[in-house]
Protein backbone atom coordinates (compact mmCIF):
# COMPACT_ATOMS: atom_id res chain seq x y z
CA MET A 1 -0.10 -0.01 -0.39
CA GLY A 2 1.48 2.83 -0.86
CA ARG A 3 1.85 6.30 1.08
CA GLY A 4 -1.15 8.67 0.76
CA LYS A 5 -0.83 12.58 -1.48
CA ILE A 6 1.04 15.23 0.99
CA VAL A 7 -0.08 18.82 0.37
CA ILE A 8 3.02 20.44 -1.17
CA ARG A 9 3.12 23.74 1.35
CA ARG A 10 6.69 24.92 3.73
CA ILE A 11 6.99 22.95 6.37
CA ASP A 12 6.16 25.13 9.78
CA ASN A 13 8.67 22.96 12.07
CA SER A 14 12.25 23.75 11.19
CA THR A 15 13.32 20.03 12.73
CA SER A 16 11.05 18.71 10.03
CA ARG A 17 11.84 20.77 7.25
CA GLN A 18 15.39 19.70 7.60
CA VAL A 19 15.07 16.06 7.37
CA THR A 20 12.70 16.68 4.46
CA PHE A 21 15.14 18.57 3.03
CA SER A 22 17.77 16.25 3.47
CA LYS A 23 16.11 13.33 2.53
CA ARG A 24 14.47 15.02 -0.93
CA ARG A 25 17.72 16.36 -1.28
CA ASN A 26 19.33 12.98 -1.69
CA GLY A 27 16.81 11.66 -3.68
CA LEU A 28 16.97 14.40 -6.31
CA LEU A 29 20.65 13.73 -7.03
CA LYS A 30 20.41 10.55 -7.04
CA LYS A 31 17.72 10.74 -9.84
CA ALA A 32 19.83 12.84 -11.51
CA LYS A 33 23.09 10.62 -11.37
CA GLU A 34 20.50 8.01 -12.72
CA LEU A 35 19.32 10.08 -15.48
CA ALA A 36 22.63 10.86 -16.55
CA ILE A 37 23.56 7.18 -16.81
CA LEU A 38 20.47 5.46 -18.13
CA CYS A 39 19.85 7.94 -20.76
CA ASP A 40 23.66 9.16 -21.70
CA ALA A 41 22.36 13.08 -20.88
CA GLU A 42 24.44 15.91 -19.35
CA VAL A 43 22.75 16.49 -16.04
CA GLY A 44 22.88 19.84 -13.80
CA VAL A 45 21.42 20.19 -10.45
CA VAL A 46 22.38 22.68 -8.15
CA ILE A 47 20.38 23.32 -4.72
CA PHE A 48 21.22 26.15 -2.09
CA SER A 49 19.85 25.42 1.31
CA SER A 50 17.88 27.96 3.47
CA THR A 51 21.28 28.65 4.90
CA GLY A 52 22.49 29.30 1.83
CA LYS A 53 24.91 25.92 1.72
CA LEU A 54 25.67 24.86 -1.71
CA HIS A 55 24.50 21.19 -2.77
CA ASP A 56 25.88 20.40 -6.93
CA PHE A 57 25.80 17.46 -9.01
CA ALA A 58 27.29 17.69 -13.05
CA SER A 59 27.31 14.24 -14.78
CA THR A 60 30.79 15.67 -15.97
CA ARG A 61 33.48 16.85 -14.40
CA GLN A 62 33.94 19.84 -17.35
CA MET A 63 31.64 22.37 -15.37
CA MET A 64 35.09 22.36 -12.86
CA GLY A 65 37.46 22.56 -15.85
CA GLU A 66 38.78 19.18 -16.04
CA GLU A 67 37.68 16.39 -18.46
CA LEU A 68 38.24 18.82 -21.46
CA SER A 69 40.65 17.22 -23.49
CA GLY A 70 38.30 15.32 -25.60
CA LEU A 71 35.98 18.48 -26.73
CA ASN A 72 35.92 20.15 -29.69
CA VAL A 73 36.23 24.21 -30.29
CA LYS A 74 32.39 24.29 -30.09
CA GLU A 75 31.95 22.30 -27.26
CA LEU A 76 34.37 24.30 -25.44
CA GLN A 77 32.33 27.14 -26.13
CA ASN A 78 29.01 25.72 -25.28
CA LEU A 79 30.53 24.72 -21.90
CA GLU A 80 31.94 28.45 -21.63
CA ASN A 81 28.51 29.88 -22.32
CA GLN A 82 27.09 28.20 -19.85
CA LEU A 83 29.40 28.84 -17.22
CA GLU A 84 29.01 32.31 -18.27
CA ILE A 85 25.19 32.26 -17.73
CA SER A 86 25.31 30.76 -14.08
CA LEU A 87 28.37 33.08 -13.30
CA ARG A 88 26.15 35.96 -13.92
CA GLY A 89 23.37 34.18 -12.35
CA VAL A 90 25.16 34.13 -9.13
CA ARG A 91 26.58 37.46 -9.53
CA MET A 92 23.74 38.93 -9.76
CA LYS A 93 22.38 37.57 -6.55
CA LYS A 94 25.38 38.46 -4.55
CA ASP A 95 24.94 41.51 -5.74
CA GLN A 96 21.53 41.95 -4.84
CA ILE A 97 22.50 40.39 -1.51
CA LEU A 98 24.96 42.95 -0.79
CA MET A 99 23.13 46.19 -2.27
CA ASP A 100 19.83 45.04 0.35
CA GLU A 101 22.58 44.99 2.85
CA ILE A 102 23.70 48.90 1.82
CA GLU A 103 20.88 50.08 2.14
CA GLU A 104 19.57 48.02 5.64
CA LEU A 105 23.08 49.91 7.14
CA THR A 106 21.99 53.41 5.45
CA ARG A 107 18.47 52.74 6.85
CA LYS A 108 20.31 52.51 10.89
CA GLY A 109 22.46 54.46 10.20
CA ASN A 110 19.89 57.57 9.49
CA GLN A 111 17.72 56.00 12.53
CA ILE A 112 20.83 57.08 14.87
CA HIS A 113 21.30 59.72 13.11
CA GLN A 114 18.34 60.90 13.71
CA GLU A 115 18.13 59.84 17.76
CA ASN A 116 21.25 61.11 18.20
CA VAL A 117 20.09 64.97 16.79
CA GLU A 118 17.25 64.38 19.17
CA LEU A 119 19.15 63.36 22.26
CA TYR A 120 21.56 67.09 21.27
CA LYS A 121 18.77 68.99 21.30
CA LYS A 122 17.44 67.30 24.90
CA VAL A 123 20.80 68.63 25.81
CA ASN A 124 20.49 71.63 24.98
CA LEU A 125 17.82 72.17 26.47
CA ILE A 126 18.62 70.90 29.69
CA ARG A 127 21.48 73.41 29.46
CA GLN A 128 19.16 76.02 28.95
CA GLU A 129 16.90 74.88 32.01
CA ASN A 130 20.27 74.63 34.09
CA MET A 131 21.26 78.14 33.40
CA ASP A 132 17.47 79.90 33.95
CA LEU A 133 17.76 77.62 37.18
CA TYR A 134 21.29 79.04 38.05
CA LYS A 135 20.30 82.39 37.43
CA LYS A 136 17.11 82.10 39.20
CA VAL A 137 19.31 80.68 42.81
CA TYR A 138 21.67 82.75 42.64
CA GLY A 139 21.10 85.91 40.47
CA PRO A 140 23.46 87.81 38.38
CA ARG A 141 26.07 88.18 40.72
CA ASP A 142 27.51 86.27 43.63
CA VAL A 143 28.96 88.41 46.66
CA ASN A 144 32.36 89.02 45.76
CA GLY A 145 30.60 91.31 42.87
CA ALA A 146 31.80 88.93 40.24
CA ASN A 147 29.63 88.38 37.25
CA ARG A 148 28.33 84.54 38.18
CA THR A 149 26.51 84.54 34.47
CA SER A 150 29.45 84.91 32.37
CA LEU A 151 31.05 81.98 34.77
CA LEU A 152 27.94 79.97 33.91
CA LEU A 153 27.94 80.42 30.34
CA ASP A 154 32.00 79.38 30.36
CA GLY A 155 31.31 76.38 32.66
CA LEU A 156 28.20 75.05 30.15
CA GLY A 157 30.68 75.36 27.44
CA ILE A 158 29.20 78.07 24.69
CA GLY A 159 31.56 78.45 21.85
CA GLU A 160 33.34 75.28 22.39
CA ASP A 161 32.41 71.87 21.05
CA SER A 162 29.07 71.23 21.29
CA HIS A 163 30.04 67.39 20.72
CA ALA A 164 32.28 66.95 24.12
CA PRO A 165 30.19 65.01 26.52
CA VAL A 166 28.54 66.50 29.42
CA HIS A 167 27.58 64.87 33.06
CA LEU A 168 25.10 66.44 34.81
CA GLN A 169 24.82 66.07 38.76
CA LEU A 170 22.13 66.98 41.29
CA SER A 171 23.59 68.73 44.58
CA GLN A 172 23.00 70.99 47.25
CA PRO A 173 23.70 74.62 45.97
CA GLN A 174 26.28 76.28 48.39
CA HIS A 175 25.15 78.36 51.15
CA GLN A 176 25.62 81.97 50.32
CA ASN A 177 25.95 85.40 52.63
CA TYR A 178 22.52 86.22 51.31
CA GLU A 179 19.24 84.80 51.61
CA THR A 180 17.22 82.75 49.09
CA PRO A 181 14.13 81.12 48.90
CA THR A 182 14.11 78.09 50.55
CA ARG A 183 12.70 76.15 47.76
CA ALA A 184 15.15 76.81 45.26
CA THR A 185 18.01 75.31 47.25
CA LYS A 186 16.61 72.32 47.06
CA LEU A 187 17.11 72.41 43.37
CA GLY A 188 20.05 72.89 41.49
CA TYR A 189 22.43 71.23 38.53
CA ILE A 190 26.33 70.81 38.46
CA ILE A 191 28.00 70.77 34.82
CA LEU A 192 31.18 68.82 35.27
CA ARG A 193 33.33 68.81 32.03
CA ASN A 194 35.99 66.18 31.31
């Protein structure tokens, strides 16, 4: 009693799919060899697995450039044309894969660049908030009469390399001789540069 017909569709289970691939690949290669022997035919089979591994069979070793001594010029030209067509197909596939990878890397690079721009905007916003808080807490001048705003601008790196890393740390402001609101002393930013 023979087996019933099976529905030809992709096998979902990866283990079953691999077992079926191995069995059917071996069966296909065996049939190709039999066809070449029984019918004196030139047979070539090329199989790529889902992992990209190559399995092939050629009824003659001439595809590998061997056993060419018995061929005339026309047969050699035919063989050369077949090899060039095959090589062109392989190169086209390789080029397509490389182009797809380049496109994906470009897309990821653009995404990372956009995220970097957004983070840069957030850092600048935090710098501005820090400067505003500093002005609210200490005012434009300190007890020594020095202009704290100019010190603050220098500390914030205005005019410096805007891509240098900035480390923010919350801390209590230092005690001053003049009175400051209680709530304001609880907030304070200090910017540290490497």
